[in-house]
Amino acid sequence: RKAFEGKSDKRALSKEEIQRLGEALFN
């Protein structure tokens, strides 16, 4: 939700949050 609600000119997720998202999807 946070990723899709972010503005196009600004990264909505931090590097650490992107990593957490990827690993949660994998698990």
mmCIF file of all heavy atoms, coordinates in Angstrom:
data_MODEL
# 
_entry.id   MODEL 
# 
loop_
_atom_site.group_PDB 
_atom_site.id 
_atom_site.type_symbol 
_atom_site.label_atom_id 
_atom_site.label_alt_id 
_atom_site.label_comp_id 
_atom_site.label_asym_id 
_atom_site.label_entity_id 
_atom_site.label_seq_id 
_atom_site.pdbx_PDB_ins_code 
_atom_site.Cartn_x 
_atom_site.Cartn_y 
_atom_site.Cartn_z 
_atom_site.occupancy 
_atom_site.B_iso_or_equiv 
_atom_site.pdbx_formal_charge 
_atom_site.auth_seq_id 
_atom_site.auth_comp_id 
_atom_site.auth_asym_id 
_atom_site.auth_atom_id 
_atom_site.pdbx_PDB_model_num 
ATOM 1   N N   . ARG A 1 1  ? 0.832  -1.206  0.000   1.00 0.00 ? 1  ARG A N   1 
ATOM 2   C CA  . ARG A 1 1  ? 0.000  0.000   0.000   1.00 0.00 ? 1  ARG A CA  1 
ATOM 3   C C   . ARG A 1 1  ? 0.865  1.253   0.000   1.00 0.00 ? 1  ARG A C   1 
ATOM 4   O O   . ARG A 1 1  ? 0.606  2.210   -0.735  1.00 0.00 ? 1  ARG A O   1 
ATOM 5   C CB  . ARG A 1 1  ? -0.925 0.001   1.230   1.00 0.00 ? 1  ARG A CB  1 
ATOM 6   C CG  . ARG A 1 1  ? -2.122 -0.911  1.112   1.00 0.00 ? 1  ARG A CG  1 
ATOM 7   C CD  . ARG A 1 1  ? -3.159 -0.588  2.173   1.00 0.00 ? 1  ARG A CD  1 
ATOM 8   N NE  . ARG A 1 1  ? -2.607 -0.699  3.522   1.00 0.00 ? 1  ARG A NE  1 
ATOM 9   C CZ  . ARG A 1 1  ? -2.624 -1.816  4.235   1.00 0.00 ? 1  ARG A CZ  1 
ATOM 10  N NH1 . ARG A 1 1  ? -3.138 -2.922  3.730   1.00 0.00 ? 1  ARG A NH1 1 
ATOM 11  N NH2 . ARG A 1 1  ? -2.114 -1.843  5.451   1.00 0.00 ? 1  ARG A NH2 1 
ATOM 12  N N   . LYS A 1 2  ? 1.896  1.240   0.807   1.00 0.00 ? 2  LYS A N   1 
ATOM 13  C CA  . LYS A 1 2  ? 2.772  2.407   0.883   1.00 0.00 ? 2  LYS A CA  1 
ATOM 14  C C   . LYS A 1 2  ? 3.468  2.655   -0.445  1.00 0.00 ? 2  LYS A C   1 
ATOM 15  O O   . LYS A 1 2  ? 3.617  3.803   -0.885  1.00 0.00 ? 2  LYS A O   1 
ATOM 16  C CB  . LYS A 1 2  ? 3.810  2.204   1.982   1.00 0.00 ? 2  LYS A CB  1 
ATOM 17  C CG  . LYS A 1 2  ? 4.697  3.424   2.221   1.00 0.00 ? 2  LYS A CG  1 
ATOM 18  C CD  . LYS A 1 2  ? 5.636  3.200   3.395   1.00 0.00 ? 2  LYS A CD  1 
ATOM 19  C CE  . LYS A 1 2  ? 6.516  4.442   3.617   1.00 0.00 ? 2  LYS A CE  1 
ATOM 20  N NZ  . LYS A 1 2  ? 7.453  4.248   4.753   1.00 0.00 ? 2  LYS A NZ  1 
ATOM 21  N N   . ALA A 1 3  ? 3.870  1.590   -1.127  1.00 0.00 ? 3  ALA A N   1 
ATOM 22  C CA  . ALA A 1 3  ? 4.565  1.739   -2.414  1.00 0.00 ? 3  ALA A CA  1 
ATOM 23  C C   . ALA A 1 3  ? 3.651  2.343   -3.463  1.00 0.00 ? 3  ALA A C   1 
ATOM 24  O O   . ALA A 1 3  ? 4.040  3.250   -4.205  1.00 0.00 ? 3  ALA A O   1 
ATOM 25  C CB  . ALA A 1 3  ? 5.086  0.385   -2.877  1.00 0.00 ? 3  ALA A CB  1 
ATOM 26  N N   . PHE A 1 4  ? 2.409  1.862   -3.537  1.00 0.00 ? 4  PHE A N   1 
ATOM 27  C CA  . PHE A 1 4  ? 1.500  2.328   -4.574  1.00 0.00 ? 4  PHE A CA  1 
ATOM 28  C C   . PHE A 1 4  ? 0.898  3.695   -4.265  1.00 0.00 ? 4  PHE A C   1 
ATOM 29  O O   . PHE A 1 4  ? 0.448  4.394   -5.174  1.00 0.00 ? 4  PHE A O   1 
ATOM 30  C CB  . PHE A 1 4  ? 0.387  1.306   -4.798  1.00 0.00 ? 4  PHE A CB  1 
ATOM 31  C CG  . PHE A 1 4  ? 0.851  0.072   -5.502  1.00 0.00 ? 4  PHE A CG  1 
ATOM 32  C CD1 . PHE A 1 4  ? 0.806  -1.169  -4.878  1.00 0.00 ? 4  PHE A CD1 1 
ATOM 33  C CD2 . PHE A 1 4  ? 1.359  0.134   -6.789  1.00 0.00 ? 4  PHE A CD2 1 
ATOM 34  C CE1 . PHE A 1 4  ? 1.247  -2.310  -5.520  1.00 0.00 ? 4  PHE A CE1 1 
ATOM 35  C CE2 . PHE A 1 4  ? 1.802  -0.998  -7.451  1.00 0.00 ? 4  PHE A CE2 1 
ATOM 36  C CZ  . PHE A 1 4  ? 1.751  -2.220  -6.812  1.00 0.00 ? 4  PHE A CZ  1 
ATOM 37  N N   . GLU A 1 5  ? 0.906  4.081   -3.009  1.00 0.00 ? 5  GLU A N   1 
ATOM 38  C CA  . GLU A 1 5  ? 0.355  5.384   -2.651  1.00 0.00 ? 5  GLU A CA  1 
ATOM 39  C C   . GLU A 1 5  ? 1.391  6.498   -2.717  1.00 0.00 ? 5  GLU A C   1 
ATOM 40  O O   . GLU A 1 5  ? 1.065  7.663   -2.567  1.00 0.00 ? 5  GLU A O   1 
ATOM 41  C CB  . GLU A 1 5  ? -0.228 5.326   -1.231  1.00 0.00 ? 5  GLU A CB  1 
ATOM 42  C CG  . GLU A 1 5  ? -1.487 4.453   -1.127  1.00 0.00 ? 5  GLU A CG  1 
ATOM 43  C CD  . GLU A 1 5  ? -1.913 4.209   0.309   1.00 0.00 ? 5  GLU A CD  1 
ATOM 44  O OE1 . GLU A 1 5  ? -1.205 4.711   1.219   1.00 0.00 ? 5  GLU A OE1 1 
ATOM 45  O OE2 . GLU A 1 5  ? -2.924 3.515   0.514   1.00 0.00 ? 5  GLU A OE2 1 
ATOM 46  N N   . GLY A 1 6  ? 2.658  6.145   -2.956  1.00 0.00 ? 6  GLY A N   1 
ATOM 47  C CA  . GLY A 1 6  ? 3.718  7.144   -3.017  1.00 0.00 ? 6  GLY A CA  1 
ATOM 48  C C   . GLY A 1 6  ? 3.613  8.032   -4.243  1.00 0.00 ? 6  GLY A C   1 
ATOM 49  O O   . GLY A 1 6  ? 3.039  7.656   -5.261  1.00 0.00 ? 6  GLY A O   1 
ATOM 50  N N   . LYS A 1 7  ? 4.172  9.215   -4.151  1.00 0.00 ? 7  LYS A N   1 
ATOM 51  C CA  . LYS A 1 7  ? 4.183  10.130  -5.290  1.00 0.00 ? 7  LYS A CA  1 
ATOM 52  C C   . LYS A 1 7  ? 5.215  9.663   -6.306  1.00 0.00 ? 7  LYS A C   1 
ATOM 53  O O   . LYS A 1 7  ? 6.234  9.074   -5.965  1.00 0.00 ? 7  LYS A O   1 
ATOM 54  C CB  . LYS A 1 7  ? 4.519  11.550  -4.815  1.00 0.00 ? 7  LYS A CB  1 
ATOM 55  C CG  . LYS A 1 7  ? 3.477  12.127  -3.861  1.00 0.00 ? 7  LYS A CG  1 
ATOM 56  C CD  . LYS A 1 7  ? 3.856  13.540  -3.448  1.00 0.00 ? 7  LYS A CD  1 
ATOM 57  C CE  . LYS A 1 7  ? 2.799  14.130  -2.510  1.00 0.00 ? 7  LYS A CE  1 
ATOM 58  N NZ  . LYS A 1 7  ? 3.158  15.503  -2.071  1.00 0.00 ? 7  LYS A NZ  1 
ATOM 59  N N   . SER A 1 8  ? 4.926  9.958   -7.585  1.00 0.00 ? 8  SER A N   1 
ATOM 60  C CA  . SER A 1 8  ? 5.806  9.490   -8.652  1.00 0.00 ? 8  SER A CA  1 
ATOM 61  C C   . SER A 1 8  ? 7.178  10.127  -8.598  1.00 0.00 ? 8  SER A C   1 
ATOM 62  O O   . SER A 1 8  ? 8.141  9.572   -9.108  1.00 0.00 ? 8  SER A O   1 
ATOM 63  C CB  . SER A 1 8  ? 5.163  9.775   -10.015 1.00 0.00 ? 8  SER A CB  1 
ATOM 64  O OG  . SER A 1 8  ? 4.936  11.170  -10.174 1.00 0.00 ? 8  SER A OG  1 
ATOM 65  N N   . ASP A 1 9  ? 7.291  11.310  -7.995  1.00 0.00 ? 9  ASP A N   1 
ATOM 66  C CA  . ASP A 1 9  ? 8.584  12.008  -7.960  1.00 0.00 ? 9  ASP A CA  1 
ATOM 67  C C   . ASP A 1 9  ? 9.358  11.729  -6.671  1.00 0.00 ? 9  ASP A C   1 
ATOM 68  O O   . ASP A 1 9  ? 10.385 12.337  -6.416  1.00 0.00 ? 9  ASP A O   1 
ATOM 69  C CB  . ASP A 1 9  ? 8.376  13.510  -8.123  1.00 0.00 ? 9  ASP A CB  1 
ATOM 70  C CG  . ASP A 1 9  ? 7.512  14.103  -7.009  1.00 0.00 ? 9  ASP A CG  1 
ATOM 71  O OD1 . ASP A 1 9  ? 6.842  13.319  -6.307  1.00 0.00 ? 9  ASP A OD1 1 
ATOM 72  O OD2 . ASP A 1 9  ? 7.513  15.337  -6.849  1.00 0.00 ? 9  ASP A OD2 1 
ATOM 73  N N   . LYS A 1 10 ? 8.879  10.777  -5.870  1.00 0.00 ? 10 LYS A N   1 
ATOM 74  C CA  . LYS A 1 10 ? 9.544  10.495  -4.607  1.00 0.00 ? 10 LYS A CA  1 
ATOM 75  C C   . LYS A 1 10 ? 9.398  9.018   -4.282  1.00 0.00 ? 10 LYS A C   1 
ATOM 76  O O   . LYS A 1 10 ? 8.305  8.448   -4.377  1.00 0.00 ? 10 LYS A O   1 
ATOM 77  C CB  . LYS A 1 10 ? 8.933  11.338  -3.479  1.00 0.00 ? 10 LYS A CB  1 
ATOM 78  C CG  . LYS A 1 10 ? 9.648  11.168  -2.142  1.00 0.00 ? 10 LYS A CG  1 
ATOM 79  C CD  . LYS A 1 10 ? 9.016  12.070  -1.092  1.00 0.00 ? 10 LYS A CD  1 
ATOM 80  C CE  . LYS A 1 10 ? 9.722  11.925  0.254   1.00 0.00 ? 10 LYS A CE  1 
ATOM 81  N NZ  . LYS A 1 10 ? 9.105  12.784  1.285   1.00 0.00 ? 10 LYS A NZ  1 
ATOM 82  N N   . ARG A 1 11 ? 10.497 8.392   -3.913  1.00 0.00 ? 11 ARG A N   1 
ATOM 83  C CA  . ARG A 1 11 ? 10.446 6.970   -3.556  1.00 0.00 ? 11 ARG A CA  1 
ATOM 84  C C   . ARG A 1 11 ? 9.629  6.785   -2.286  1.00 0.00 ? 11 ARG A C   1 
ATOM 85  O O   . ARG A 1 11 ? 9.912  7.398   -1.253  1.00 0.00 ? 11 ARG A O   1 
ATOM 86  C CB  . ARG A 1 11 ? 11.859 6.431   -3.368  1.00 0.00 ? 11 ARG A CB  1 
ATOM 87  C CG  . ARG A 1 11 ? 11.893 4.980   -2.891  1.00 0.00 ? 11 ARG A CG  1 
ATOM 88  C CD  . ARG A 1 11 ? 13.294 4.462   -2.732  1.00 0.00 ? 11 ARG A CD  1 
ATOM 89  N NE  . ARG A 1 11 ? 13.944 4.260   -4.019  1.00 0.00 ? 11 ARG A NE  1 
ATOM 90  C CZ  . ARG A 1 11 ? 15.179 3.789   -4.145  1.00 0.00 ? 11 ARG A CZ  1 
ATOM 91  N NH1 . ARG A 1 11 ? 15.879 3.501   -3.066  1.00 0.00 ? 11 ARG A NH1 1 
ATOM 92  N NH2 . ARG A 1 11 ? 15.712 3.626   -5.337  1.00 0.00 ? 11 ARG A NH2 1 
ATOM 93  N N   . ALA A 1 12 ? 8.606  5.948   -2.373  1.00 0.00 ? 12 ALA A N   1 
ATOM 94  C CA  . ALA A 1 12 ? 7.717  5.754   -1.233  1.00 0.00 ? 12 ALA A CA  1 
ATOM 95  C C   . ALA A 1 12 ? 8.340  4.846   -0.177  1.00 0.00 ? 12 ALA A C   1 
ATOM 96  O O   . ALA A 1 12 ? 8.095  5.016   1.011   1.00 0.00 ? 12 ALA A O   1 
ATOM 97  C CB  . ALA A 1 12 ? 6.382  5.183   -1.697  1.00 0.00 ? 12 ALA A CB  1 
ATOM 98  N N   . LEU A 1 13 ? 9.140  3.880   -0.600  1.00 0.00 ? 13 LEU A N   1 
ATOM 99  C CA  . LEU A 1 13 ? 9.739  2.920   0.315   1.00 0.00 ? 13 LEU A CA  1 
ATOM 100 C C   . LEU A 1 13 ? 11.232 3.169   0.436   1.00 0.00 ? 13 LEU A C   1 
ATOM 101 O O   . LEU A 1 13 ? 11.905 3.479   -0.548  1.00 0.00 ? 13 LEU A O   1 
ATOM 102 C CB  . LEU A 1 13 ? 9.509  1.488   -0.169  1.00 0.00 ? 13 LEU A CB  1 
ATOM 103 C CG  . LEU A 1 13 ? 8.063  1.000   -0.292  1.00 0.00 ? 13 LEU A CG  1 
ATOM 104 C CD1 . LEU A 1 13 ? 8.041  -0.433  -0.784  1.00 0.00 ? 13 LEU A CD1 1 
ATOM 105 C CD2 . LEU A 1 13 ? 7.340  1.121   1.036   1.00 0.00 ? 13 LEU A CD2 1 
ATOM 106 N N   . SER A 1 14 ? 11.739 2.990   1.627   1.00 0.00 ? 14 SER A N   1 
ATOM 107 C CA  . SER A 1 14 ? 13.181 3.078   1.829   1.00 0.00 ? 14 SER A CA  1 
ATOM 108 C C   . SER A 1 14 ? 13.843 1.808   1.312   1.00 0.00 ? 14 SER A C   1 
ATOM 109 O O   . SER A 1 14 ? 13.175 0.808   1.017   1.00 0.00 ? 14 SER A O   1 
ATOM 110 C CB  . SER A 1 14 ? 13.492 3.245   3.313   1.00 0.00 ? 14 SER A CB  1 
ATOM 111 O OG  . SER A 1 14 ? 13.133 2.064   4.028   1.00 0.00 ? 14 SER A OG  1 
ATOM 112 N N   . LYS A 1 15 ? 15.155 1.822   1.206   1.00 0.00 ? 15 LYS A N   1 
ATOM 113 C CA  . LYS A 1 15 ? 15.893 0.645   0.762   1.00 0.00 ? 15 LYS A CA  1 
ATOM 114 C C   . LYS A 1 15 ? 15.619 -0.538  1.675   1.00 0.00 ? 15 LYS A C   1 
ATOM 115 O O   . LYS A 1 15 ? 15.438 -1.678  1.217   1.00 0.00 ? 15 LYS A O   1 
ATOM 116 C CB  . LYS A 1 15 ? 17.387 0.960   0.727   1.00 0.00 ? 15 LYS A CB  1 
ATOM 117 C CG  . LYS A 1 15 ? 18.260 -0.187  0.269   1.00 0.00 ? 15 LYS A CG  1 
ATOM 118 C CD  . LYS A 1 15 ? 19.719 0.217   0.237   1.00 0.00 ? 15 LYS A CD  1 
ATOM 119 C CE  . LYS A 1 15 ? 20.603 -0.945  -0.191  1.00 0.00 ? 15 LYS A CE  1 
ATOM 120 N NZ  . LYS A 1 15 ? 22.052 -0.544  -0.217  1.00 0.00 ? 15 LYS A NZ  1 
ATOM 121 N N   . GLU A 1 16 ? 15.584 -0.288  2.980   1.00 0.00 ? 16 GLU A N   1 
ATOM 122 C CA  . GLU A 1 16 ? 15.349 -1.362  3.945   1.00 0.00 ? 16 GLU A CA  1 
ATOM 123 C C   . GLU A 1 16 ? 13.930 -1.913  3.806   1.00 0.00 ? 16 GLU A C   1 
ATOM 124 O O   . GLU A 1 16 ? 13.704 -3.124  3.936   1.00 0.00 ? 16 GLU A O   1 
ATOM 125 C CB  . GLU A 1 16 ? 15.578 -0.850  5.364   1.00 0.00 ? 16 GLU A CB  1 
ATOM 126 C CG  . GLU A 1 16 ? 17.027 -0.533  5.695   1.00 0.00 ? 16 GLU A CG  1 
ATOM 127 C CD  . GLU A 1 16 ? 17.522 0.752   5.021   1.00 0.00 ? 16 GLU A CD  1 
ATOM 128 O OE1 . GLU A 1 16 ? 16.655 1.590   4.636   1.00 0.00 ? 16 GLU A OE1 1 
ATOM 129 O OE2 . GLU A 1 16 ? 18.746 0.910   4.885   1.00 0.00 ? 16 GLU A OE2 1 
ATOM 130 N N   . GLU A 1 17 ? 12.951 -1.032  3.541   1.00 0.00 ? 17 GLU A N   1 
ATOM 131 C CA  . GLU A 1 17 ? 11.566 -1.492  3.394   1.00 0.00 ? 17 GLU A CA  1 
ATOM 132 C C   . GLU A 1 17 ? 11.391 -2.317  2.123   1.00 0.00 ? 17 GLU A C   1 
ATOM 133 O O   . GLU A 1 17 ? 10.642 -3.304  2.104   1.00 0.00 ? 17 GLU A O   1 
ATOM 134 C CB  . GLU A 1 17 ? 10.629 -0.290  3.375   1.00 0.00 ? 17 GLU A CB  1 
ATOM 135 C CG  . GLU A 1 17 ? 10.452 0.363   4.738   1.00 0.00 ? 17 GLU A CG  1 
ATOM 136 C CD  . GLU A 1 17 ? 9.624  1.631   4.671   1.00 0.00 ? 17 GLU A CD  1 
ATOM 137 O OE1 . GLU A 1 17 ? 9.761  2.389   3.671   1.00 0.00 ? 17 GLU A OE1 1 
ATOM 138 O OE2 . GLU A 1 17 ? 8.844  1.881   5.607   1.00 0.00 ? 17 GLU A OE2 1 
ATOM 139 N N   . ILE A 1 18 ? 12.072 -1.935  1.046   1.00 0.00 ? 18 ILE A N   1 
ATOM 140 C CA  . ILE A 1 18 ? 12.011 -2.716  -0.192  1.00 0.00 ? 18 ILE A CA  1 
ATOM 141 C C   . ILE A 1 18 ? 12.574 -4.114  0.045   1.00 0.00 ? 18 ILE A C   1 
ATOM 142 O O   . ILE A 1 18 ? 12.036 -5.118  -0.428  1.00 0.00 ? 18 ILE A O   1 
ATOM 143 C CB  . ILE A 1 18 ? 12.784 -1.998  -1.315  1.00 0.00 ? 18 ILE A CB  1 
ATOM 144 C CG1 . ILE A 1 18 ? 12.090 -0.685  -1.681  1.00 0.00 ? 18 ILE A CG1 1 
ATOM 145 C CG2 . ILE A 1 18 ? 12.906 -2.890  -2.553  1.00 0.00 ? 18 ILE A CG2 1 
ATOM 146 C CD1 . ILE A 1 18 ? 12.857 0.160   -2.670  1.00 0.00 ? 18 ILE A CD1 1 
ATOM 147 N N   . GLN A 1 19 ? 13.660 -4.178  0.803   1.00 0.00 ? 19 GLN A N   1 
ATOM 148 C CA  . GLN A 1 19 ? 14.256 -5.475  1.119   1.00 0.00 ? 19 GLN A CA  1 
ATOM 149 C C   . GLN A 1 19 ? 13.299 -6.326  1.950   1.00 0.00 ? 19 GLN A C   1 
ATOM 150 O O   . GLN A 1 19 ? 13.129 -7.525  1.683   1.00 0.00 ? 19 GLN A O   1 
ATOM 151 C CB  . GLN A 1 19 ? 15.563 -5.266  1.889   1.00 0.00 ? 19 GLN A CB  1 
ATOM 152 C CG  . GLN A 1 19 ? 16.240 -6.561  2.326   1.00 0.00 ? 19 GLN A CG  1 
ATOM 153 C CD  . GLN A 1 19 ? 17.582 -6.306  2.985   1.00 0.00 ? 19 GLN A CD  1 
ATOM 154 O OE1 . GLN A 1 19 ? 18.356 -5.461  2.547   1.00 0.00 ? 19 GLN A OE1 1 
ATOM 155 N NE2 . GLN A 1 19 ? 17.852 -7.023  4.064   1.00 0.00 ? 19 GLN A NE2 1 
ATOM 156 N N   . ARG A 1 20 ? 12.670 -5.715  2.953   1.00 0.00 ? 20 ARG A N   1 
ATOM 157 C CA  . ARG A 1 20 ? 11.705 -6.448  3.785   1.00 0.00 ? 20 ARG A CA  1 
ATOM 158 C C   . ARG A 1 20 ? 10.529 -6.950  2.956   1.00 0.00 ? 20 ARG A C   1 
ATOM 159 O O   . ARG A 1 20 ? 10.051 -8.071  3.137   1.00 0.00 ? 20 ARG A O   1 
ATOM 160 C CB  . ARG A 1 20 ? 11.219 -5.560  4.923   1.00 0.00 ? 20 ARG A CB  1 
ATOM 161 C CG  . ARG A 1 20 ? 12.220 -5.423  6.077   1.00 0.00 ? 20 ARG A CG  1 
ATOM 162 C CD  . ARG A 1 20 ? 11.827 -4.301  7.012   1.00 0.00 ? 20 ARG A CD  1 
ATOM 163 N NE  . ARG A 1 20 ? 10.392 -4.222  7.252   1.00 0.00 ? 20 ARG A NE  1 
ATOM 164 C CZ  . ARG A 1 20 ? 9.760  -3.097  7.585   1.00 0.00 ? 20 ARG A CZ  1 
ATOM 165 N NH1 . ARG A 1 20 ? 10.432 -1.958  7.701   1.00 0.00 ? 20 ARG A NH1 1 
ATOM 166 N NH2 . ARG A 1 20 ? 8.454  -3.105  7.784   1.00 0.00 ? 20 ARG A NH2 1 
ATOM 167 N N   . LEU A 1 21 ? 10.050 -6.110  2.036   1.00 0.00 ? 21 LEU A N   1 
ATOM 168 C CA  . LEU A 1 21 ? 8.936  -6.505  1.171   1.00 0.00 ? 21 LEU A CA  1 
ATOM 169 C C   . LEU A 1 21 ? 9.324  -7.714  0.325   1.00 0.00 ? 21 LEU A C   1 
ATOM 170 O O   . LEU A 1 21 ? 8.579  -8.687  0.230   1.00 0.00 ? 21 LEU A O   1 
ATOM 171 C CB  . LEU A 1 21 ? 8.534  -5.334  0.275   1.00 0.00 ? 21 LEU A CB  1 
ATOM 172 C CG  . LEU A 1 21 ? 7.500  -5.637  -0.825  1.00 0.00 ? 21 LEU A CG  1 
ATOM 173 C CD1 . LEU A 1 21 ? 6.200  -6.131  -0.214  1.00 0.00 ? 21 LEU A CD1 1 
ATOM 174 C CD2 . LEU A 1 21 ? 7.254  -4.390  -1.690  1.00 0.00 ? 21 LEU A CD2 1 
ATOM 175 N N   . GLY A 1 22 ? 10.509 -7.659  -0.290  1.00 0.00 ? 22 GLY A N   1 
ATOM 176 C CA  . GLY A 1 22 ? 10.954 -8.752  -1.143  1.00 0.00 ? 22 GLY A CA  1 
ATOM 177 C C   . GLY A 1 22 ? 11.107 -10.056 -0.393  1.00 0.00 ? 22 GLY A C   1 
ATOM 178 O O   . GLY A 1 22 ? 10.727 -11.129 -0.893  1.00 0.00 ? 22 GLY A O   1 
ATOM 179 N N   . GLU A 1 23 ? 11.654 -9.998  0.816   1.00 0.00 ? 23 GLU A N   1 
ATOM 180 C CA  . GLU A 1 23 ? 11.869 -11.214 1.586   1.00 0.00 ? 23 GLU A CA  1 
ATOM 181 C C   . GLU A 1 23 ? 10.551 -11.767 2.130   1.00 0.00 ? 23 GLU A C   1 
ATOM 182 O O   . GLU A 1 23 ? 10.381 -12.987 2.217   1.00 0.00 ? 23 GLU A O   1 
ATOM 183 C CB  . GLU A 1 23 ? 12.857 -10.947 2.710   1.00 0.00 ? 23 GLU A CB  1 
ATOM 184 C CG  . GLU A 1 23 ? 14.262 -10.646 2.198   1.00 0.00 ? 23 GLU A CG  1 
ATOM 185 C CD  . GLU A 1 23 ? 15.296 -10.529 3.295   1.00 0.00 ? 23 GLU A CD  1 
ATOM 186 O OE1 . GLU A 1 23 ? 14.912 -10.660 4.480   1.00 0.00 ? 23 GLU A OE1 1 
ATOM 187 O OE2 . GLU A 1 23 ? 16.479 -10.313 2.973   1.00 0.00 ? 23 GLU A OE2 1 
ATOM 188 N N   . ALA A 1 24 ? 9.617  -10.887 2.495   1.00 0.00 ? 24 ALA A N   1 
ATOM 189 C CA  . ALA A 1 24 ? 8.310  -11.361 2.959   1.00 0.00 ? 24 ALA A CA  1 
ATOM 190 C C   . ALA A 1 24 ? 7.570  -12.067 1.822   1.00 0.00 ? 24 ALA A C   1 
ATOM 191 O O   . ALA A 1 24 ? 6.943  -13.113 2.026   1.00 0.00 ? 24 ALA A O   1 
ATOM 192 C CB  . ALA A 1 24 ? 7.486  -10.197 3.489   1.00 0.00 ? 24 ALA A CB  1 
ATOM 193 N N   . LEU A 1 25 ? 7.636  -11.517 0.614   1.00 0.00 ? 25 LEU A N   1 
ATOM 194 C CA  . LEU A 1 25 ? 7.016  -12.158 -0.541  1.00 0.00 ? 25 LEU A CA  1 
ATOM 195 C C   . LEU A 1 25 ? 7.639  -13.543 -0.781  1.00 0.00 ? 25 LEU A C   1 
ATOM 196 O O   . LEU A 1 25 ? 6.937  -14.514 -1.062  1.00 0.00 ? 25 LEU A O   1 
ATOM 197 C CB  . LEU A 1 25 ? 7.185  -11.283 -1.782  1.00 0.00 ? 25 LEU A CB  1 
ATOM 198 C CG  . LEU A 1 25 ? 6.291  -10.047 -1.865  1.00 0.00 ? 25 LEU A CG  1 
ATOM 199 C CD1 . LEU A 1 25 ? 6.799  -9.096  -2.948  1.00 0.00 ? 25 LEU A CD1 1 
ATOM 200 C CD2 . LEU A 1 25 ? 4.844  -10.427 -2.147  1.00 0.00 ? 25 LEU A CD2 1 
ATOM 201 N N   . PHE A 1 26 ? 8.951  -13.606 -0.675  1.00 0.00 ? 26 PHE A N   1 
ATOM 202 C CA  . PHE A 1 26 ? 9.638  -14.886 -0.886  1.00 0.00 ? 26 PHE A CA  1 
ATOM 203 C C   . PHE A 1 26 ? 9.198  -15.912 0.151   1.00 0.00 ? 26 PHE A C   1 
ATOM 204 O O   . PHE A 1 26 ? 8.941  -17.078 -0.176  1.00 0.00 ? 26 PHE A O   1 
ATOM 205 C CB  . PHE A 1 26 ? 11.149 -14.680 -0.824  1.00 0.00 ? 26 PHE A CB  1 
ATOM 206 C CG  . PHE A 1 26 ? 11.932 -15.914 -1.169  1.00 0.00 ? 26 PHE A CG  1 
ATOM 207 C CD1 . PHE A 1 26 ? 12.275 -16.190 -2.491  1.00 0.00 ? 26 PHE A CD1 1 
ATOM 208 C CD2 . PHE A 1 26 ? 12.318 -16.815 -0.184  1.00 0.00 ? 26 PHE A CD2 1 
ATOM 209 C CE1 . PHE A 1 26 ? 12.974 -17.347 -2.819  1.00 0.00 ? 26 PHE A CE1 1 
ATOM 210 C CE2 . PHE A 1 26 ? 13.027 -17.962 -0.505  1.00 0.00 ? 26 PHE A CE2 1 
ATOM 211 C CZ  . PHE A 1 26 ? 13.361 -18.224 -1.823  1.00 0.00 ? 26 PHE A CZ  1 
ATOM 212 N N   . ASN A 1 27 ? 9.095  -15.512 1.413   1.00 0.00 ? 27 ASN A N   1 
ATOM 213 C CA  . ASN A 1 27 ? 8.715  -16.440 2.472   1.00 0.00 ? 27 ASN A CA  1 
ATOM 214 C C   . ASN A 1 27 ? 7.274  -16.926 2.318   1.00 0.00 ? 27 ASN A C   1 
ATOM 215 O O   . ASN A 1 27 ? 6.940  -18.034 2.756   1.00 0.00 ? 27 ASN A O   1 
ATOM 216 C CB  . ASN A 1 27 ? 8.899  -15.780 3.841   1.00 0.00 ? 27 ASN A CB  1 
ATOM 217 C CG  . ASN A 1 27 ? 10.366 -15.689 4.229   1.00 0.00 ? 27 ASN A CG  1 
ATOM 218 O OD1 . ASN A 1 27 ? 11.144 -16.600 3.977   1.00 0.00 ? 27 ASN A OD1 1 
ATOM 219 N ND2 . ASN A 1 27 ? 10.748 -14.582 4.845   1.00 0.00 ? 27 ASN A ND2 1 
# 
